[in-house]
Amino acid sequence: MAITNGYATLAEVKAVLRLTDSTDDTLLENTIEGASRRIDGYCGTFFYQTAKVVNLYPINEYKISFPDAGTVTYIKTDNDGDGVFETTWTVNTDYQLEPLDYALQNRPYRHATAVGAKTFPIMQLRKAPGVQISATWGWPSIPDDVREACILLSIRGFARYNAALGVIGFNDMAIQVRAIDPDVRDLLSPYRKLGVA
């Protein structure tokens, strides 16, 4: 099995576990992929990239918010509400992508603001979204903190296979596996979107 959209590699996790054989590779790949999806759910976003076209409602006639986007290919609007996106907007002429310091912070775009004469069609009894965006959604690259959190979660998930009912026993001692790893929580907290559980 290959890891799909994982935030750590099999080699990275095996190096931390000091594993040199391939006996548990399939289990490790499963835990890496599971940890990556758990991070997506916790943060309310994803850090891999996928190209899609989505239709959205603008916030107002000058601004539209959208999911994290590494690159935006085009923005089109449906000005007459017929379901056809006939007007193509030009970046830096009709709209500006934000945040403006995108390249400095290696973070995704999240907004577009109208800067020219055009305005976004606002929802006034519209039955369909007025804006279409083609983009590569997700983060431009996986942040180091996210990669590290994925490694920690993967190791924890792998160890869990040997922890019946969440309890690991050593001779006369037993340790209960905690539900939330505080180190993982701290690593991911800067990337968590507010309002996402």
Foldseek 3Di string as FASTA:
>chain_A
DAADQFLAHLVVLCVVVVHDDCPCSVLLSVQRNVLQVVLCQQQVFHADWDWDKDFDAAPFFFKRWDAFFAWWPWKFFDQPLPPDRDGTDDEPAQKDWDPPCCVVVQGGTTMIGGDHPGTFRHDDVRPGGTMMITGTHHTPHRDPLSSVLSSVSSVVSSVVVVAVVQWDDDVPDIDGHDPDDVSSCVSSVVSHDPPRD
